[in-house]
N, C-alpha and C. Protein backbone atom coordinates (compact mmCIF):
# COMPACT_ATOMS: atom_id res chain seq x y z
N UNK A 1 105.64 21.76 29.26
CA UNK A 1 104.58 22.55 29.84
C UNK A 1 104.26 21.97 31.23
N UNK A 2 104.13 22.83 32.20
CA UNK A 2 103.83 22.39 33.55
C UNK A 2 102.40 21.85 33.62
N UNK A 3 102.20 20.91 34.53
CA UNK A 3 100.89 20.28 34.67
C UNK A 3 99.83 21.32 35.07
N UNK A 4 100.19 22.26 35.92
CA UNK A 4 99.21 23.26 36.36
C UNK A 4 98.81 24.18 35.20
N UNK A 5 99.74 24.50 34.32
CA UNK A 5 99.42 25.33 33.16
C UNK A 5 98.51 24.57 32.21
N UNK A 6 98.78 23.27 32.03
CA UNK A 6 97.95 22.46 31.16
C UNK A 6 96.55 22.33 31.74
N UNK A 7 96.44 22.12 33.04
CA UNK A 7 95.15 22.01 33.70
C UNK A 7 94.37 23.32 33.56
N UNK A 8 95.04 24.44 33.71
CA UNK A 8 94.40 25.74 33.57
C UNK A 8 93.86 25.93 32.16
N UNK A 9 94.63 25.53 31.15
CA UNK A 9 94.18 25.65 29.76
C UNK A 9 92.97 24.76 29.50
N UNK A 10 92.98 23.55 30.03
CA UNK A 10 91.84 22.64 29.85
C UNK A 10 90.60 23.23 30.52
N UNK A 11 90.76 23.77 31.72
CA UNK A 11 89.65 24.38 32.43
C UNK A 11 89.08 25.56 31.65
N UNK A 12 89.93 26.40 31.10
CA UNK A 12 89.47 27.55 30.30
C UNK A 12 88.71 27.07 29.07
N UNK A 13 89.21 26.04 28.42
CA UNK A 13 88.53 25.50 27.24
C UNK A 13 87.16 24.96 27.62
N UNK A 14 87.07 24.21 28.74
CA UNK A 14 85.79 23.66 29.17
C UNK A 14 84.79 24.76 29.52
N UNK A 15 85.27 25.80 30.18
CA UNK A 15 84.39 26.92 30.51
C UNK A 15 83.93 27.61 29.24
N UNK A 16 84.84 27.82 28.31
CA UNK A 16 84.51 28.47 27.06
C UNK A 16 83.47 27.66 26.29
N UNK A 17 83.58 26.36 26.32
CA UNK A 17 82.65 25.50 25.59
C UNK A 17 81.33 25.31 26.34
N UNK A 18 81.24 25.85 27.53
CA UNK A 18 80.01 25.74 28.30
C UNK A 18 79.82 24.39 28.96
N UNK A 19 80.88 23.63 29.09
CA UNK A 19 80.76 22.29 29.67
C UNK A 19 80.97 22.29 31.17
N UNK A 20 81.49 23.35 31.71
CA UNK A 20 81.75 23.38 33.14
C UNK A 20 81.68 24.81 33.64
N UNK A 21 81.32 24.96 34.85
CA UNK A 21 81.32 26.24 35.53
C UNK A 21 82.43 26.13 36.57
N UNK A 22 83.33 27.07 36.61
CA UNK A 22 84.51 26.96 37.48
C UNK A 22 84.13 26.74 38.94
N UNK A 23 83.10 27.43 39.42
CA UNK A 23 82.72 27.26 40.83
C UNK A 23 82.12 25.88 41.07
N UNK A 24 81.38 25.34 40.10
CA UNK A 24 80.78 24.02 40.26
C UNK A 24 81.83 22.93 40.11
N UNK A 25 82.83 23.15 39.29
CA UNK A 25 83.83 22.12 39.04
C UNK A 25 84.54 21.75 40.33
N UNK A 26 84.87 22.72 41.13
CA UNK A 26 85.54 22.43 42.40
C UNK A 26 84.57 21.82 43.41
N UNK A 27 83.42 22.47 43.60
CA UNK A 27 82.50 22.02 44.64
C UNK A 27 81.82 20.70 44.29
N UNK A 28 81.68 20.40 43.01
CA UNK A 28 81.00 19.17 42.60
C UNK A 28 81.75 17.95 43.11
N UNK A 29 83.07 18.01 43.11
CA UNK A 29 83.85 16.88 43.59
C UNK A 29 83.78 16.76 45.10
N UNK A 30 83.51 17.83 45.79
CA UNK A 30 83.51 17.83 47.24
C UNK A 30 82.13 17.58 47.83
N UNK A 31 81.07 17.88 47.09
CA UNK A 31 79.72 17.82 47.64
C UNK A 31 79.28 16.37 47.85
N UNK A 32 78.73 16.09 49.00
CA UNK A 32 78.15 14.78 49.28
C UNK A 32 76.75 14.98 49.87
N UNK A 33 75.93 13.99 49.71
CA UNK A 33 74.59 14.00 50.29
C UNK A 33 74.43 12.74 51.13
N UNK A 34 73.44 12.74 51.98
CA UNK A 34 73.13 11.57 52.79
C UNK A 34 71.72 11.12 52.43
N UNK A 35 71.59 9.85 52.13
CA UNK A 35 70.31 9.27 51.76
C UNK A 35 69.96 8.16 52.74
N UNK A 36 68.77 8.25 53.35
CA UNK A 36 68.24 7.18 54.18
C UNK A 36 67.28 6.38 53.31
N UNK A 37 67.65 5.15 53.01
CA UNK A 37 66.90 4.34 52.06
C UNK A 37 66.32 3.10 52.74
N UNK A 38 65.03 3.16 53.12
CA UNK A 38 64.41 2.00 53.76
C UNK A 38 64.25 0.86 52.74
N UNK A 39 64.49 -0.36 53.20
CA UNK A 39 64.38 -1.53 52.33
C UNK A 39 63.24 -2.43 52.80
N UNK A 40 62.58 -3.06 51.84
CA UNK A 40 61.50 -3.98 52.17
C UNK A 40 61.89 -5.43 51.95
N UNK A 41 62.58 -5.71 50.86
CA UNK A 41 62.82 -7.09 50.45
C UNK A 41 64.27 -7.52 50.49
N UNK A 42 65.13 -6.70 51.03
CA UNK A 42 66.55 -7.03 51.11
C UNK A 42 67.05 -6.72 52.52
N UNK A 43 68.10 -7.39 52.91
CA UNK A 43 68.72 -7.16 54.21
C UNK A 43 69.71 -6.01 54.08
N UNK A 44 69.50 -4.94 54.84
CA UNK A 44 70.32 -3.74 54.73
C UNK A 44 71.79 -4.01 55.04
N UNK A 45 72.07 -4.84 56.03
CA UNK A 45 73.46 -5.13 56.39
C UNK A 45 74.19 -5.86 55.27
N UNK A 46 73.55 -6.84 54.68
CA UNK A 46 74.18 -7.58 53.58
C UNK A 46 74.36 -6.69 52.36
N UNK A 47 73.34 -5.86 52.08
CA UNK A 47 73.42 -4.99 50.91
C UNK A 47 74.50 -3.92 51.08
N UNK A 48 74.68 -3.42 52.29
CA UNK A 48 75.72 -2.42 52.54
C UNK A 48 77.10 -3.00 52.22
N UNK A 49 77.34 -4.23 52.62
CA UNK A 49 78.62 -4.87 52.31
C UNK A 49 78.79 -5.08 50.81
N UNK A 50 77.71 -5.43 50.13
CA UNK A 50 77.77 -5.69 48.69
C UNK A 50 78.02 -4.42 47.89
N UNK A 51 77.43 -3.30 48.32
CA UNK A 51 77.51 -2.05 47.56
C UNK A 51 78.73 -1.19 47.90
N UNK A 52 79.39 -1.47 49.00
CA UNK A 52 80.52 -0.65 49.43
C UNK A 52 81.60 -0.45 48.37
N UNK A 53 81.95 -1.47 47.56
CA UNK A 53 82.99 -1.25 46.54
C UNK A 53 82.60 -0.27 45.43
N UNK A 54 81.32 0.06 45.32
CA UNK A 54 80.86 0.94 44.25
C UNK A 54 80.80 2.41 44.65
N UNK A 55 81.21 2.71 45.87
CA UNK A 55 81.22 4.09 46.35
C UNK A 55 82.44 4.84 45.86
N UNK A 56 82.34 6.16 45.84
CA UNK A 56 83.50 7.00 45.54
C UNK A 56 84.42 6.99 46.76
N UNK A 57 85.64 7.53 46.65
CA UNK A 57 86.53 7.60 47.82
C UNK A 57 85.92 8.40 48.99
N UNK A 58 85.02 9.32 48.68
CA UNK A 58 84.37 10.12 49.72
C UNK A 58 83.21 9.39 50.36
N UNK A 59 82.72 8.34 49.72
CA UNK A 59 81.47 7.70 50.13
C UNK A 59 81.59 6.77 51.31
N UNK A 60 80.44 6.56 51.93
CA UNK A 60 80.32 5.62 53.04
C UNK A 60 78.91 5.07 53.03
N UNK A 61 78.79 3.79 53.34
CA UNK A 61 77.47 3.17 53.41
C UNK A 61 77.41 2.33 54.68
N UNK A 62 76.28 2.41 55.37
CA UNK A 62 76.10 1.60 56.56
C UNK A 62 74.63 1.22 56.65
N UNK A 63 74.35 0.28 57.53
CA UNK A 63 72.98 -0.20 57.70
C UNK A 63 72.50 0.11 59.11
N UNK A 64 71.23 0.43 59.19
CA UNK A 64 70.57 0.58 60.49
C UNK A 64 69.55 -0.55 60.57
N UNK A 65 69.92 -1.62 61.26
CA UNK A 65 69.13 -2.84 61.24
C UNK A 65 67.75 -2.76 61.89
N UNK A 66 67.52 -1.94 62.95
CA UNK A 66 66.17 -1.90 63.52
C UNK A 66 65.08 -1.51 62.51
N UNK A 67 65.42 -0.67 61.54
CA UNK A 67 64.43 -0.28 60.53
C UNK A 67 64.79 -0.81 59.15
N UNK A 68 65.84 -1.64 59.06
CA UNK A 68 66.31 -2.19 57.78
C UNK A 68 66.52 -1.07 56.75
N UNK A 69 67.30 -0.08 57.13
CA UNK A 69 67.53 1.10 56.31
C UNK A 69 69.01 1.22 55.97
N UNK A 70 69.28 1.55 54.71
CA UNK A 70 70.65 1.86 54.28
C UNK A 70 70.89 3.35 54.50
N UNK A 71 72.04 3.70 54.98
CA UNK A 71 72.46 5.10 55.11
C UNK A 71 73.62 5.27 54.14
N UNK A 72 73.36 6.02 53.07
CA UNK A 72 74.36 6.20 52.01
C UNK A 72 74.81 7.65 52.01
N UNK A 73 76.12 7.85 52.12
CA UNK A 73 76.69 9.20 52.06
C UNK A 73 77.69 9.20 50.91
N UNK A 74 77.40 9.99 49.88
CA UNK A 74 78.29 10.04 48.72
C UNK A 74 77.85 11.18 47.80
N UNK A 75 78.51 11.28 46.67
CA UNK A 75 78.17 12.28 45.67
C UNK A 75 76.79 11.94 45.09
N UNK A 76 76.01 12.96 44.72
CA UNK A 76 74.64 12.71 44.24
C UNK A 76 74.55 11.69 43.11
N UNK A 77 75.47 11.75 42.15
CA UNK A 77 75.37 10.82 41.02
C UNK A 77 75.64 9.38 41.44
N UNK A 78 76.50 9.18 42.42
CA UNK A 78 76.77 7.83 42.93
C UNK A 78 75.56 7.31 43.70
N UNK A 79 74.98 8.17 44.53
CA UNK A 79 73.80 7.77 45.30
C UNK A 79 72.67 7.39 44.35
N UNK A 80 72.47 8.18 43.28
CA UNK A 80 71.41 7.87 42.32
C UNK A 80 71.64 6.52 41.64
N UNK A 81 72.89 6.22 41.29
CA UNK A 81 73.19 4.93 40.66
C UNK A 81 72.90 3.77 41.61
N UNK A 82 73.23 3.94 42.89
CA UNK A 82 72.95 2.89 43.87
C UNK A 82 71.45 2.71 44.06
N UNK A 83 70.71 3.82 44.10
CA UNK A 83 69.26 3.73 44.22
C UNK A 83 68.67 2.99 43.02
N UNK A 84 69.21 3.28 41.84
CA UNK A 84 68.70 2.59 40.64
C UNK A 84 68.98 1.09 40.73
N UNK A 85 70.15 0.73 41.22
CA UNK A 85 70.49 -0.70 41.35
C UNK A 85 69.58 -1.38 42.38
N UNK A 86 69.19 -0.66 43.42
CA UNK A 86 68.38 -1.25 44.48
C UNK A 86 66.89 -1.21 44.17
N UNK A 87 66.41 -0.04 43.79
CA UNK A 87 64.96 0.17 43.62
C UNK A 87 64.49 0.16 42.17
N UNK A 88 65.42 0.26 41.22
CA UNK A 88 65.04 0.25 39.81
C UNK A 88 64.75 1.62 39.22
N UNK A 89 64.84 2.66 40.03
CA UNK A 89 64.65 4.03 39.54
C UNK A 89 65.81 4.90 40.00
N UNK A 90 66.20 5.83 39.16
CA UNK A 90 67.31 6.73 39.48
C UNK A 90 66.74 8.05 39.98
N UNK A 91 66.21 8.02 41.22
CA UNK A 91 65.47 9.16 41.74
C UNK A 91 65.78 9.36 43.22
N UNK A 92 66.30 10.51 43.56
CA UNK A 92 66.64 10.79 44.96
C UNK A 92 65.42 10.90 45.85
N UNK A 93 64.23 11.02 45.28
CA UNK A 93 63.02 11.08 46.11
C UNK A 93 62.75 9.75 46.80
N UNK A 94 63.44 8.68 46.41
CA UNK A 94 63.34 7.40 47.10
C UNK A 94 63.96 7.48 48.50
N UNK A 95 64.82 8.46 48.70
CA UNK A 95 65.44 8.65 50.02
C UNK A 95 64.38 9.17 50.98
N UNK A 96 64.32 8.59 52.15
CA UNK A 96 63.33 8.97 53.14
C UNK A 96 63.49 10.41 53.58
N UNK A 97 64.71 10.91 53.58
CA UNK A 97 65.01 12.25 54.08
C UNK A 97 65.20 13.28 52.98
N UNK A 98 64.89 12.94 51.72
CA UNK A 98 65.21 13.85 50.61
C UNK A 98 64.10 14.86 50.38
N UNK A 99 64.49 16.12 50.25
CA UNK A 99 63.57 17.21 49.89
C UNK A 99 64.32 18.10 48.92
N UNK A 100 63.72 18.40 47.79
CA UNK A 100 64.39 19.26 46.81
C UNK A 100 63.44 20.32 46.27
N UNK A 101 62.39 20.63 47.02
CA UNK A 101 61.44 21.63 46.57
C UNK A 101 61.80 23.00 47.09
N UNK A 102 60.95 23.99 46.83
CA UNK A 102 61.25 25.35 47.28
C UNK A 102 61.30 25.47 48.80
N UNK A 103 60.62 24.56 49.51
CA UNK A 103 60.63 24.63 50.97
C UNK A 103 61.83 23.93 51.59
N UNK A 104 62.64 23.29 50.79
CA UNK A 104 63.78 22.53 51.31
C UNK A 104 64.86 23.47 51.86
N UNK A 105 65.51 23.02 52.92
CA UNK A 105 66.62 23.79 53.48
C UNK A 105 67.82 23.79 52.53
N UNK A 106 67.96 22.71 51.80
CA UNK A 106 69.07 22.57 50.84
C UNK A 106 68.50 22.06 49.54
N UNK A 107 68.99 22.54 48.46
CA UNK A 107 68.57 22.05 47.17
C UNK A 107 69.77 21.48 46.46
N UNK A 108 69.56 20.36 45.80
CA UNK A 108 70.65 19.65 45.17
C UNK A 108 70.47 19.72 43.66
N UNK A 109 71.36 20.41 42.95
CA UNK A 109 71.27 20.40 41.49
C UNK A 109 71.63 19.01 40.98
N UNK A 110 70.79 18.45 40.13
CA UNK A 110 71.00 17.09 39.68
C UNK A 110 71.74 17.00 38.36
N UNK A 111 72.10 18.11 37.78
CA UNK A 111 72.86 18.08 36.51
C UNK A 111 74.32 18.15 36.76
């Protein structure tokens, strides 16, 4: 059986079971967000180097030293895990630039 046929069958099964939506399955892997995370008790430059290995292949992390802020660009679930490791909560509202209410220009589904 060809790999593409097997992948198609798995995708159909997942959709049938309600575990995936075909449009979300493709875009979920491609979607990235940017989080500006100000730090109080840690050095942003040192933390950026420490956390870099935990990013996805799409991810990037850098530090803005004048405000001691981490700039994290990655998939939402990766960003949330990093926030939890740094701040102790798995909440995108810790990002200085995050808005997910009705007035937001972009809304990020967290599931």
